[in-house]
């Protein structure tokens, strides 16, 4: 969900700057490359817990995005492409939220015993 939130923020920034001369569209790295390394810094709350070395967690990387078009002002934001990205991110966020809600409901029903 962190990756999706960052993707939505970058997409919103691209759309907001669609008419800014010289603005270059940005994009977030793919989700598969985001998963290649540890994403969270783990906290050891008991002596038996494992921990990651400091600095091993890494943030989402934002890169310059490929765009469909470029205007004479140097701006390469494609509203159509950005709206498709926003829609895709929204659908993925809805699916993630539904999975978490379902798991939470299942967990709560097992605790009520």
PDB file of N, CA and C in Angstrom:
ATOM      1  N   UNK A   1       0.826  -1.188   0.000  1.00  0.00           N
ATOM      2  CA  UNK A   1       0.000   0.000   0.000  1.00  0.00           C
ATOM      3  C   UNK A   1       0.876   1.260   0.000  1.00  0.00           C
ATOM      4  N   UNK A   2       2.065   1.172   0.604  1.00  0.00           N
ATOM      5  CA  UNK A   2       2.981   2.312   0.590  1.00  0.00           C
ATOM      6  C   UNK A   2       3.403   2.623  -0.843  1.00  0.00           C
ATOM      7  N   UNK A   3       3.704   1.570  -1.601  1.00  0.00           N
ATOM      8  CA  UNK A   3       4.105   1.750  -2.991  1.00  0.00           C
ATOM      9  C   UNK A   3       2.963   2.385  -3.791  1.00  0.00           C
ATOM     10  N   UNK A   4       1.743   1.915  -3.571  1.00  0.00           N
ATOM     11  CA  UNK A   4       0.592   2.463  -4.292  1.00  0.00           C
ATOM     12  C   UNK A   4       0.345   3.922  -3.927  1.00  0.00           C
ATOM     13  N   UNK A   5       0.497   4.260  -2.649  1.00  0.00           N
ATOM     14  CA  UNK A   5       0.305   5.645  -2.222  1.00  0.00           C
ATOM     15  C   UNK A   5       1.348   6.559  -2.871  1.00  0.00           C
ATOM     16  N   UNK A   6       2.585   6.107  -2.936  1.00  0.00           N
ATOM     17  CA  UNK A   6       3.639   6.901  -3.586  1.00  0.00           C
ATOM     18  C   UNK A   6       3.369   7.035  -5.080  1.00  0.00           C
ATOM     19  N   UNK A   7       2.887   5.951  -5.697  1.00  0.00           N
ATOM     20  CA  UNK A   7       2.559   5.983  -7.128  1.00  0.00           C
ATOM     21  C   UNK A   7       1.444   6.989  -7.401  1.00  0.00           C
ATOM     22  N   UNK A   8       0.423   7.021  -6.532  1.00  0.00           N
ATOM     23  CA  UNK A   8      -0.668   7.981  -6.687  1.00  0.00           C
ATOM     24  C   UNK A   8      -0.170   9.415  -6.528  1.00  0.00           C
ATOM     25  N   UNK A   9       0.733   9.644  -5.557  1.00  0.00           N
ATOM     26  CA  UNK A   9       1.269  10.994  -5.331  1.00  0.00           C
ATOM     27  C   UNK A   9       2.076  11.480  -6.539  1.00  0.00           C
ATOM     28  N   UNK A  10       2.884  10.610  -7.112  1.00  0.00           N
ATOM     29  CA  UNK A  10       3.680  10.982  -8.291  1.00  0.00           C
ATOM     30  C   UNK A  10       2.765  11.239  -9.483  1.00  0.00           C
ATOM     31  N   UNK A  11       1.740  10.417  -9.651  1.00  0.00           N
ATOM     32  CA  UNK A  11       0.788  10.611 -10.745  1.00  0.00           C
ATOM     33  C   UNK A  11       0.049  11.936 -10.592  1.00  0.00           C
ATOM     34  N   UNK A  12      -0.372  12.252  -9.364  1.00  0.00           N
ATOM     35  CA  UNK A  12      -1.061  13.525  -9.108  1.00  0.00           C
ATOM     36  C   UNK A  12      -0.143  14.704  -9.404  1.00  0.00           C
ATOM     37  N   UNK A  13       1.130  14.579  -9.052  1.00  0.00           N
ATOM     38  CA  UNK A  13       2.100  15.638  -9.342  1.00  0.00           C
ATOM     39  C   UNK A  13       2.272  15.822 -10.844  1.00  0.00           C
ATOM     40  N   UNK A  14       2.327  14.721 -11.573  1.00  0.00           N
ATOM     41  CA  UNK A  14       2.442  14.808 -13.033  1.00  0.00           C
ATOM     42  C   UNK A  14       1.233  15.510 -13.645  1.00  0.00           C
ATOM     43  N   UNK A  15       0.037  15.158 -13.184  1.00  0.00           N
ATOM     44  CA  UNK A  15      -1.180  15.773 -13.710  1.00  0.00           C
ATOM     45  C   UNK A  15      -1.226  17.257 -13.354  1.00  0.00           C
ATOM     46  N   UNK A  16      -0.827  17.592 -12.127  1.00  0.00           N
ATOM     47  CA  UNK A  16      -0.851  18.992 -11.697  1.00  0.00           C
ATOM     48  C   UNK A  16       0.117  19.849 -12.514  1.00  0.00           C
ATOM     49  N   UNK A  17       1.192  19.244 -12.991  1.00  0.00           N
ATOM     50  CA  UNK A  17       2.190  19.995 -13.756  1.00  0.00           C
ATOM     51  C   UNK A  17       2.087  19.765 -15.257  1.00  0.00           C
ATOM     52  N   UNK A  18       0.933  19.321 -15.724  1.00  0.00           N
ATOM     53  CA  UNK A  18       0.757  19.008 -17.141  1.00  0.00           C
ATOM     54  C   UNK A  18       0.967  20.217 -18.046  1.00  0.00           C
ATOM     55  N   UNK A  19       0.736  21.422 -17.554  1.00  0.00           N
ATOM     56  CA  UNK A  19       0.902  22.632 -18.361  1.00  0.00           C
ATOM     57  C   UNK A  19       2.152  23.420 -17.995  1.00  0.00           C
ATOM     58  N   UNK A  20       2.996  22.887 -17.128  1.00  0.00           N
ATOM     59  CA  UNK A  20       4.217  23.578 -16.719  1.00  0.00           C
ATOM     60  C   UNK A  20       5.295  23.392 -17.781  1.00  0.00           C
ATOM     61  N   UNK A  21       5.792  24.479 -18.360  1.00  0.00           N
ATOM     62  CA  UNK A  21       6.831  24.353 -19.393  1.00  0.00           C
ATOM     63  C   UNK A  21       8.090  23.679 -18.833  1.00  0.00           C
ATOM     64  N   UNK A  22       8.603  22.716 -19.576  1.00  0.00           N
ATOM     65  CA  UNK A  22       9.844  22.047 -19.190  1.00  0.00           C
ATOM     66  C   UNK A  22       9.694  20.953 -18.153  1.00  0.00           C
ATOM     67  N   UNK A  23       8.486  20.736 -17.640  1.00  0.00           N
ATOM     68  CA  UNK A  23       8.292  19.692 -16.621  1.00  0.00           C
ATOM     69  C   UNK A  23       8.429  18.327 -17.275  1.00  0.00           C
ATOM     70  N   UNK A  24       9.175  17.445 -16.644  1.00  0.00           N
ATOM     71  CA  UNK A  24       9.363  16.083 -17.132  1.00  0.00           C
ATOM     72  C   UNK A  24       8.547  15.140 -16.248  1.00  0.00           C
ATOM     73  N   UNK A  25       7.745  14.286 -16.853  1.00  0.00           N
ATOM     74  CA  UNK A  25       6.921  13.333 -16.101  1.00  0.00           C
ATOM     75  C   UNK A  25       7.822  12.400 -15.302  1.00  0.00           C
ATOM     76  N   UNK A  26       7.365  12.033 -14.109  1.00  0.00           N
ATOM     77  CA  UNK A  26       8.100  11.102 -13.257  1.00  0.00           C
ATOM     78  C   UNK A  26       7.252   9.857 -13.068  1.00  0.00           C
ATOM     79  N   UNK A  27       7.904   8.763 -12.680  1.00  0.00           N
ATOM     80  CA  UNK A  27       7.172   7.536 -12.381  1.00  0.00           C
ATOM     81  C   UNK A  27       7.870   6.827 -11.226  1.00  0.00           C
ATOM     82  N   UNK A  28       7.155   5.881 -10.644  1.00  0.00           N
ATOM     83  CA  UNK A  28       7.686   5.106  -9.521  1.00  0.00           C
ATOM     84  C   UNK A  28       8.191   3.786 -10.082  1.00  0.00           C
ATOM     85  N   UNK A  29       9.280   3.283  -9.510  1.00  0.00           N
ATOM     86  CA  UNK A  29       9.815   1.994  -9.958  1.00  0.00           C
ATOM     87  C   UNK A  29       8.735   0.927  -9.900  1.00  0.00           C
ATOM     88  N   UNK A  30       8.919  -0.150 -10.637  1.00  0.00           N
ATOM     89  CA  UNK A  30       7.913  -1.206 -10.673  1.00  0.00           C
ATOM     90  C   UNK A  30       7.795  -1.895  -9.315  1.00  0.00           C
ATOM     91  N   UNK A  31       6.646  -2.474  -9.061  1.00  0.00           N
ATOM     92  CA  UNK A  31       6.411  -3.123  -7.773  1.00  0.00           C
ATOM     93  C   UNK A  31       7.330  -4.319  -7.581  1.00  0.00           C
ATOM     94  N   UNK A  32       7.622  -5.052  -8.651  1.00  0.00           N
ATOM     95  CA  UNK A  32       8.506  -6.221  -8.524  1.00  0.00           C
ATOM     96  C   UNK A  32       9.913  -5.803  -8.098  1.00  0.00           C
ATOM     97  N   UNK A  33      10.412  -4.680  -8.607  1.00  0.00           N
ATOM     98  CA  UNK A  33      11.737  -4.236  -8.176  1.00  0.00           C
ATOM     99  C   UNK A  33      11.686  -3.687  -6.751  1.00  0.00           C
ATOM    100  N   UNK A  34      10.522  -3.181  -6.331  1.00  0.00           N
ATOM    101  CA  UNK A  34      10.336  -2.706  -4.957  1.00  0.00           C
ATOM    102  C   UNK A  34      10.426  -3.874  -3.976  1.00  0.00           C
ATOM    103  N   UNK A  35       9.993  -5.065  -4.409  1.00  0.00           N
ATOM    104  CA  UNK A  35      10.000  -6.239  -3.541  1.00  0.00           C
ATOM    105  C   UNK A  35      11.336  -6.969  -3.502  1.00  0.00           C
ATOM    106  N   UNK A  36      12.280  -6.615  -4.361  1.00  0.00           N
ATOM    107  CA  UNK A  36      13.539  -7.340  -4.447  1.00  0.00           C
ATOM    108  C   UNK A  36      14.375  -7.270  -3.172  1.00  0.00           C
ATOM    109  N   UNK A  37      14.218  -6.253  -2.394  1.00  0.00           N
ATOM    110  CA  UNK A  37      14.978  -6.122  -1.153  1.00  0.00           C
ATOM    111  C   UNK A  37      14.049  -5.864   0.003  1.00  0.00           C
ATOM    112  N   UNK A  38      14.576  -5.845   1.229  1.00  0.00           N
ATOM    113  CA  UNK A  38      13.725  -5.564   2.377  1.00  0.00           C
ATOM    114  C   UNK A  38      13.165  -4.143   2.303  1.00  0.00           C
ATOM    115  N   UNK A  39      11.907  -4.000   2.645  1.00  0.00           N
ATOM    116  CA  UNK A  39      11.241  -2.709   2.550  1.00  0.00           C
ATOM    117  C   UNK A  39      11.076  -2.065   3.919  1.00  0.00           C
ATOM    118  N   UNK A  40      10.895  -2.857   4.931  1.00  0.00           N
ATOM    119  CA  UNK A  40      10.631  -2.333   6.256  1.00  0.00           C
ATOM    120  C   UNK A  40      11.829  -2.529   7.175  1.00  0.00           C
ATOM    121  N   UNK A  41      12.019  -1.585   8.065  1.00  0.00           N
ATOM    122  CA  UNK A  41      13.024  -1.752   9.102  1.00  0.00           C
ATOM    123  C   UNK A  41      12.330  -2.475  10.252  1.00  0.00           C
ATOM    124  N   UNK A  42      12.818  -3.644  10.592  1.00  0.00           N
ATOM    125  CA  UNK A  42      12.208  -4.435  11.649  1.00  0.00           C
ATOM    126  C   UNK A  42      12.715  -3.971  13.008  1.00  0.00           C
ATOM    127  N   UNK A  43      11.856  -4.027  13.990  1.00  0.00           N
ATOM    128  CA  UNK A  43      12.237  -3.646  15.347  1.00  0.00           C
ATOM    129  C   UNK A  43      12.233  -4.891  16.219  1.00  0.00           C
ATOM    130  N   UNK A  44      13.340  -5.136  16.906  1.00  0.00           N
ATOM    131  CA  UNK A  44      13.430  -6.275  17.820  1.00  0.00           C
ATOM    132  C   UNK A  44      12.874  -5.820  19.167  1.00  0.00           C
ATOM    133  N   UNK A  45      11.738  -6.385  19.562  1.00  0.00           N
ATOM    134  CA  UNK A  45      11.110  -5.997  20.826  1.00  0.00           C
ATOM    135  C   UNK A  45      11.398  -6.990  21.941  1.00  0.00           C
ATOM    136  N   UNK A  46      12.074  -8.072  21.598  1.00  0.00           N
ATOM    137  CA  UNK A  46      12.465  -9.073  22.588  1.00  0.00           C
ATOM    138  C   UNK A  46      13.862  -9.587  22.214  1.00  0.00           C
ATOM    139  N   UNK A  47      14.637 -10.073  23.184  1.00  0.00           N
ATOM    140  CA  UNK A  47      16.006 -10.508  22.887  1.00  0.00           C
ATOM    141  C   UNK A  47      16.097 -11.625  21.841  1.00  0.00           C
ATOM    142  N   UNK A  48      15.073 -12.446  21.675  1.00  0.00           N
ATOM    143  CA  UNK A  48      15.102 -13.542  20.720  1.00  0.00           C
ATOM    144  C   UNK A  48      14.737 -13.150  19.295  1.00  0.00           C
ATOM    145  N   UNK A  49      14.317 -11.900  19.070  1.00  0.00           N
ATOM    146  CA  UNK A  49      13.912 -11.459  17.734  1.00  0.00           C
ATOM    147  C   UNK A  49      15.114 -11.209  16.840  1.00  0.00           C
ATOM    148  N   UNK A  50      14.955 -11.492  15.549  1.00  0.00           N
ATOM    149  CA  UNK A  50      15.997 -11.173  14.570  1.00  0.00           C
ATOM    150  C   UNK A  50      15.855  -9.712  14.177  1.00  0.00           C
ATOM    151  N   UNK A  51      16.940  -9.112  13.716  1.00  0.00           N
ATOM    152  CA  UNK A  51      16.853  -7.730  13.256  1.00  0.00           C
ATOM    153  C   UNK A  51      17.705  -7.546  12.007  1.00  0.00           C
ATOM    154  N   UNK A  52      17.346  -6.533  11.208  1.00  0.00           N
ATOM    155  CA  UNK A  52      18.107  -6.185  10.017  1.00  0.00           C
ATOM    156  C   UNK A  52      19.217  -5.210  10.401  1.00  0.00           C
ATOM    157  N   UNK A  53      20.324  -5.250   9.692  1.00  0.00           N
ATOM    158  CA  UNK A  53      21.350  -4.232   9.936  1.00  0.00           C
ATOM    159  C   UNK A  53      20.794  -2.846   9.618  1.00  0.00           C
ATOM    160  N   UNK A  54      21.250  -1.807  10.314  1.00  0.00           N
ATOM    161  CA  UNK A  54      20.735  -0.453  10.044  1.00  0.00           C
ATOM    162  C   UNK A  54      20.966  -0.043   8.591  1.00  0.00           C
ATOM    163  N   UNK A  55      20.013   0.659   8.035  1.00  0.00           N
ATOM    164  CA  UNK A  55      20.130   1.160   6.680  1.00  0.00           C
ATOM    165  C   UNK A  55      19.797   0.152   5.598  1.00  0.00           C
ATOM    166  N   UNK A  56      19.340  -1.018   5.946  1.00  0.00           N
ATOM    167  CA  UNK A  56      19.039  -2.029   4.936  1.00  0.00           C
ATOM    168  C   UNK A  56      17.680  -1.786   4.276  1.00  0.00           C
ATOM    169  N   UNK A  57      16.758  -1.141   4.964  1.00  0.00           N
ATOM    170  CA  UNK A  57      15.467  -0.817   4.354  1.00  0.00           C
ATOM    171  C   UNK A  57      15.679   0.289   3.329  1.00  0.00           C
ATOM    172  N   UNK A  58      14.932   0.255   2.247  1.00  0.00           N
ATOM    173  CA  UNK A  58      15.123   1.268   1.219  1.00  0.00           C
ATOM    174  C   UNK A  58      13.793   1.901   0.845  1.00  0.00           C
ATOM    175  N   UNK A  59      13.789   3.171   0.481  1.00  0.00           N
ATOM    176  CA  UNK A  59      12.549   3.856   0.114  1.00  0.00           C
ATOM    177  C   UNK A  59      12.160   3.558  -1.329  1.00  0.00           C
ATOM    178  N   UNK A  60      10.973   3.980  -1.703  1.00  0.00           N
ATOM    179  CA  UNK A  60      10.501   3.860  -3.078  1.00  0.00           C
ATOM    180  C   UNK A  60      11.336   4.803  -3.939  1.00  0.00           C
ATOM    181  N   UNK A  61      11.780   4.334  -5.100  1.00  0.00           N
ATOM    182  CA  UNK A  61      12.571   5.163  -6.001  1.00  0.00           C
ATOM    183  C   UNK A  61      11.674   5.779  -7.063  1.00  0.00           C
ATOM    184  N   UNK A  62      11.847   7.079  -7.260  1.00  0.00           N
ATOM    185  CA  UNK A  62      11.087   7.800  -8.279  1.00  0.00           C
ATOM    186  C   UNK A  62      12.044   8.100  -9.426  1.00  0.00           C
ATOM    187  N   UNK A  63      11.639   7.758 -10.636  1.00  0.00           N
ATOM    188  CA  UNK A  63      12.480   7.963 -11.804  1.00  0.00           C
ATOM    189  C   UNK A  63      11.746   8.828 -12.818  1.00  0.00           C
ATOM    190  N   UNK A  64      12.473   9.284 -13.820  1.00  0.00           N
ATOM    191  CA  UNK A  64      11.794  10.027 -14.878  1.00  0.00           C
ATOM    192  C   UNK A  64      10.999   9.024 -15.700  1.00  0.00           C
ATOM    193  N   UNK A  65       9.765   9.356 -15.980  1.00  0.00           N
ATOM    194  CA  UNK A  65       8.874   8.420 -16.649  1.00  0.00           C
ATOM    195  C   UNK A  65       8.873   8.588 -18.147  1.00  0.00           C
ATOM    196  N   UNK A  66       8.596   7.488 -18.809  1.00  0.00           N
ATOM    197  CA  UNK A  66       8.423   7.548 -20.259  1.00  0.00           C
ATOM    198  C   UNK A  66       7.042   8.106 -20.545  1.00  0.00           C
ATOM    199  N   UNK A  67       6.949   8.926 -21.544  1.00  0.00           N
ATOM    200  CA  UNK A  67       5.668   9.524 -21.852  1.00  0.00           C
ATOM    201  C   UNK A  67       5.298   9.274 -23.305  1.00  0.00           C
ATOM    202  N   UNK A  68       4.039   9.477 -23.613  1.00  0.00           N
ATOM    203  CA  UNK A  68       3.548   9.245 -24.959  1.00  0.00           C
ATOM    204  C   UNK A  68       3.844  10.414 -25.888  1.00  0.00           C
ATOM    205  N   UNK A  69       3.963  11.594 -25.341  1.00  0.00           N
ATOM    206  CA  UNK A  69       4.107  12.775 -26.191  1.00  0.00           C
ATOM    207  C   UNK A  69       5.005  13.806 -25.528  1.00  0.00           C
ATOM    208  N   UNK A  70       5.480  14.721 -26.331  1.00  0.00           N
ATOM    209  CA  UNK A  70       6.275  15.829 -25.821  1.00  0.00           C
ATOM    210  C   UNK A  70       5.805  17.082 -26.540  1.00  0.00           C
ATOM    211  N   UNK A  71       5.615  18.161 -25.794  1.00  0.00           N
ATOM    212  CA  UNK A  71       5.142  19.394 -26.408  1.00  0.00           C
ATOM    213  C   UNK A  71       6.316  20.290 -26.765  1.00  0.00           C
ATOM    214  N   UNK A  72       6.039  21.371 -27.461  1.00  0.00           N
ATOM    215  CA  UNK A  72       7.097  22.289 -27.865  1.00  0.00           C
ATOM    216  C   UNK A  72       7.720  23.004 -26.660  1.00  0.00           C
ATOM    217  N   UNK A  73       7.029  23.016 -25.513  1.00  0.00           N
ATOM    218  CA  UNK A  73       7.567  23.656 -24.309  1.00  0.00           C
ATOM    219  C   UNK A  73       8.491  22.717 -23.526  1.00  0.00           C
ATOM    220  N   UNK A  74       8.649  21.484 -23.999  1.00  0.00           N
ATOM    221  CA  UNK A  74       9.510  20.531 -23.303  1.00  0.00           C
ATOM    222  C   UNK A  74       8.782  19.681 -22.287  1.00  0.00           C
ATOM    223  N   UNK A  75       7.500  19.907 -22.096  1.00  0.00           N
ATOM    224  CA  UNK A  75       6.701  19.138 -21.155  1.00  0.00           C
ATOM    225  C   UNK A  75       6.322  17.812 -21.814  1.00  0.00           C
ATOM    226  N   UNK A  76       6.520  16.701 -21.103  1.00  0.00           N
ATOM    227  CA  UNK A  76       6.197  15.405 -21.710  1.00  0.00           C
ATOM    228  C   UNK A  76       5.109  14.645 -20.957  1.00  0.00           C
ATOM    229  N   UNK A  77       4.252  15.340 -20.214  1.00  0.00           N
ATOM    230  CA  UNK A  77       3.175  14.695 -19.472  1.00  0.00           C
ATOM    231  C   UNK A  77       2.015  14.374 -20.412  1.00  0.00           C
ATOM    232  N   UNK A  78       1.580  13.124 -20.409  1.00  0.00           N
ATOM    233  CA  UNK A  78       0.413  12.700 -21.178  1.00  0.00           C
ATOM    234  C   UNK A  78      -0.729  12.467 -20.190  1.00  0.00           C
ATOM    235  N   UNK A  79      -1.736  13.295 -20.249  1.00  0.00           N
ATOM    236  CA  UNK A  79      -2.875  13.185 -19.329  1.00  0.00           C
ATOM    237  C   UNK A  79      -3.523  11.812 -19.444  1.00  0.00           C
ATOM    238  N   UNK A  80      -3.663  11.291 -20.651  1.00  0.00           N
ATOM    239  CA  UNK A  80      -4.292   9.986 -20.844  1.00  0.00           C
ATOM    240  C   UNK A  80      -3.505   8.898 -20.110  1.00  0.00           C
ATOM    241  N   UNK A  81      -2.194   8.910 -20.276  1.00  0.00           N
ATOM    242  CA  UNK A  81      -1.341   7.922 -19.613  1.00  0.00           C
ATOM    243  C   UNK A  81      -1.423   8.056 -18.095  1.00  0.00           C
ATOM    244  N   UNK A  82      -1.404   9.278 -17.600  1.00  0.00           N
ATOM    245  CA  UNK A  82      -1.453   9.514 -16.150  1.00  0.00           C
ATOM    246  C   UNK A  82      -2.798   9.079 -15.567  1.00  0.00           C
ATOM    247  N   UNK A  83      -3.895   9.315 -16.293  1.00  0.00           N
ATOM    248  CA  UNK A  83      -5.209   8.890 -15.810  1.00  0.00           C
ATOM    249  C   UNK A  83      -5.322   7.372 -15.791  1.00  0.00           C
ATOM    250  N   UNK A  84      -4.710   6.693 -16.761  1.00  0.00           N
ATOM    251  CA  UNK A  84      -4.704   5.232 -16.755  1.00  0.00           C
ATOM    252  C   UNK A  84      -3.894   4.709 -15.562  1.00  0.00           C
ATOM    253  N   UNK A  85      -2.770   5.354 -15.258  1.00  0.00           N
ATOM    254  CA  UNK A  85      -1.957   4.961 -14.109  1.00  0.00           C
ATOM    255  C   UNK A  85      -2.724   5.179 -12.809  1.00  0.00           C
ATOM    256  N   UNK A  86      -3.410   6.320 -12.692  1.00  0.00           N
ATOM    257  CA  UNK A  86      -4.190   6.613 -11.487  1.00  0.00           C
ATOM    258  C   UNK A  86      -5.313   5.598 -11.308  1.00  0.00           C
ATOM    259  N   UNK A  87      -5.983   5.239 -12.395  1.00  0.00           N
ATOM    260  CA  UNK A  87      -7.065   4.260 -12.325  1.00  0.00           C
ATOM    261  C   UNK A  87      -6.541   2.892 -11.907  1.00  0.00           C
ATOM    262  N   UNK A  88      -5.410   2.493 -12.472  1.00  0.00           N
ATOM    263  CA  UNK A  88      -4.800   1.210 -12.127  1.00  0.00           C
ATOM    264  C   UNK A  88      -4.399   1.183 -10.648  1.00  0.00           C
ATOM    265  N   UNK A  89      -3.808   2.268 -10.166  1.00  0.00           N
ATOM    266  CA  UNK A  89      -3.406   2.350  -8.757  1.00  0.00           C
ATOM    267  C   UNK A  89      -4.611   2.278  -7.834  1.00  0.00           C
ATOM    268  N   UNK A  90      -5.690   2.935  -8.226  1.00  0.00           N
ATOM    269  CA  UNK A  90      -6.909   2.925  -7.427  1.00  0.00           C
ATOM    270  C   UNK A  90      -7.498   1.517  -7.326  1.00  0.00           C
ATOM    271  N   UNK A  91      -7.524   0.801  -8.445  1.00  0.00           N
ATOM    272  CA  UNK A  91      -8.031  -0.573  -8.426  1.00  0.00           C
ATOM    273  C   UNK A  91      -7.178  -1.466  -7.538  1.00  0.00           C
ATOM    274  N   UNK A  92      -5.858  -1.333  -7.647  1.00  0.00           N
ATOM    275  CA  UNK A  92      -4.968  -2.149  -6.814  1.00  0.00           C
ATOM    276  C   UNK A  92      -5.129  -1.820  -5.335  1.00  0.00           C
ATOM    277  N   UNK A  93      -5.305  -0.536  -5.010  1.00  0.00           N
ATOM    278  CA  UNK A  93      -5.505  -0.133  -3.617  1.00  0.00           C
ATOM    279  C   UNK A  93      -6.808  -0.712  -3.080  1.00  0.00           C
ATOM    280  N   UNK A  94      -7.859  -0.718  -3.896  1.00  0.00           N
ATOM    281  CA  UNK A  94      -9.135  -1.303  -3.477  1.00  0.00           C
ATOM    282  C   UNK A  94      -9.007  -2.801  -3.211  1.00  0.00           C
ATOM    283  N   UNK A  95      -8.263  -3.503  -4.074  1.00  0.00           N
ATOM    284  CA  UNK A  95      -8.071  -4.943  -3.865  1.00  0.00           C
ATOM    285  C   UNK A  95      -7.258  -5.204  -2.593  1.00  0.00           C
ATOM    286  N   UNK A  96      -6.205  -4.423  -2.373  1.00  0.00           N
ATOM    287  CA  UNK A  96      -5.397  -4.586  -1.159  1.00  0.00           C
ATOM    288  C   UNK A  96      -6.223  -4.322   0.096  1.00  0.00           C
ATOM    289  N   UNK A  97      -7.019  -3.271   0.056  1.00  0.00           N
ATOM    290  CA  UNK A  97      -7.857  -2.929   1.207  1.00  0.00           C
ATOM    291  C   UNK A  97      -8.878  -4.023   1.495  1.00  0.00           C
ATOM    292  N   UNK A  98      -9.464  -4.596   0.438  1.00  0.00           N
ATOM    293  CA  UNK A  98     -10.439  -5.667   0.617  1.00  0.00           C
ATOM    294  C   UNK A  98      -9.781  -6.898   1.230  1.00  0.00           C
ATOM    295  N   UNK A  99      -8.564  -7.219   0.812  1.00  0.00           N
ATOM    296  CA  UNK A  99      -7.852  -8.378   1.370  1.00  0.00           C
ATOM    297  C   UNK A  99      -7.535  -8.156   2.846  1.00  0.00           C
ATOM    298  N   UNK A 100      -7.089  -6.956   3.199  1.00  0.00           N
ATOM    299  CA  UNK A 100      -6.781  -6.652   4.603  1.00  0.00           C
ATOM    300  C   UNK A 100      -8.053  -6.680   5.437  1.00  0.00           C
ATOM    301  N   UNK A 101      -9.139  -6.124   4.918  1.00  0.00           N
ATOM    302  CA  UNK A 101     -10.413  -6.125   5.637  1.00  0.00           C
ATOM    303  C   UNK A 101     -10.902  -7.548   5.869  1.00  0.00           C
ATOM    304  N   UNK A 102     -10.784  -8.398   4.854  1.00  0.00           N
ATOM    305  CA  UNK A 102     -11.204  -9.788   4.974  1.00  0.00           C
ATOM    306  C   UNK A 102     -10.369 -10.529   6.012  1.00  0.00           C
ATOM    307  N   UNK A 103      -9.055 -10.317   5.978  1.00  0.00           N
ATOM    308  CA  UNK A 103      -8.187 -10.960   6.956  1.00  0.00           C
ATOM    309  C   UNK A 103      -8.511 -10.477   8.371  1.00  0.00           C
ATOM    310  N   UNK A 104      -8.750  -9.190   8.515  1.00  0.00           N
ATOM    311  CA  UNK A 104      -9.090  -8.631   9.834  1.00  0.00           C
ATOM    312  C   UNK A 104     -10.399  -9.220  10.342  1.00  0.00           C
ATOM    313  N   UNK A 105     -11.399  -9.330   9.469  1.00  0.00           N
ATOM    314  CA  UNK A 105     -12.687  -9.913   9.853  1.00  0.00           C
ATOM    315  C   UNK A 105     -12.511 -11.365  10.294  1.00  0.00           C
ATOM    316  N   UNK A 106     -11.689 -12.122   9.556  1.00  0.00           N
ATOM    317  CA  UNK A 106     -11.424 -13.515   9.897  1.00  0.00           C
ATOM    318  C   UNK A 106     -10.712 -13.619  11.261  1.00  0.00           C
ATOM    319  N   UNK A 107      -9.727 -12.758  11.474  1.00  0.00           N
ATOM    320  CA  UNK A 107      -9.004 -12.736  12.730  1.00  0.00           C
ATOM    321  C   UNK A 107      -9.917 -12.381  13.894  1.00  0.00           C
ATOM    322  N   UNK A 108     -10.782 -11.392  13.711  1.00  0.00           N
ATOM    323  CA  UNK A 108     -11.689 -10.976  14.771  1.00  0.00           C
ATOM    324  C   UNK A 108     -12.712 -12.081  15.096  1.00  0.00           C
ATOM    325  N   UNK A 109     -13.173 -12.789  14.081  1.00  0.00           N
ATOM    326  CA  UNK A 109     -14.135 -13.865  14.356  1.00  0.00           C
ATOM    327  C   UNK A 109     -13.471 -15.029  15.096  1.00  0.00           C
ATOM    328  N   UNK A 110     -12.191 -15.273  14.869  1.00  0.00           N
ATOM    329  CA  UNK A 110     -11.513 -16.348  15.597  1.00  0.00           C
ATOM    330  C   UNK A 110     -11.210 -15.937  17.036  1.00  0.00           C
ATOM    331  N   UNK A 111     -11.075 -14.656  17.298  1.00  0.00           N
ATOM    332  CA  UNK A 111     -10.801 -14.185  18.663  1.00  0.00           C
ATOM    333  C   UNK A 111     -12.057 -14.190  19.511  1.00  0.00           C
ATOM    334  N   UNK A 112     -13.236 -14.046  18.914  1.00  0.00           N
ATOM    335  CA  UNK A 112     -14.498 -13.980  19.652  1.00  0.00           C
ATOM    336  C   UNK A 112     -14.928 -15.295  20.258  1.00  0.00           C
ATOM    337  N   UNK A 113     -14.220 -16.366  19.994  1.00  0.00           N
ATOM    338  CA  UNK A 113     -14.613 -17.699  20.466  1.00  0.00           C
ATOM    339  C   UNK A 113     -14.728 -17.744  21.931  1.00  0.00           C
TER     340      UNK A 113
END
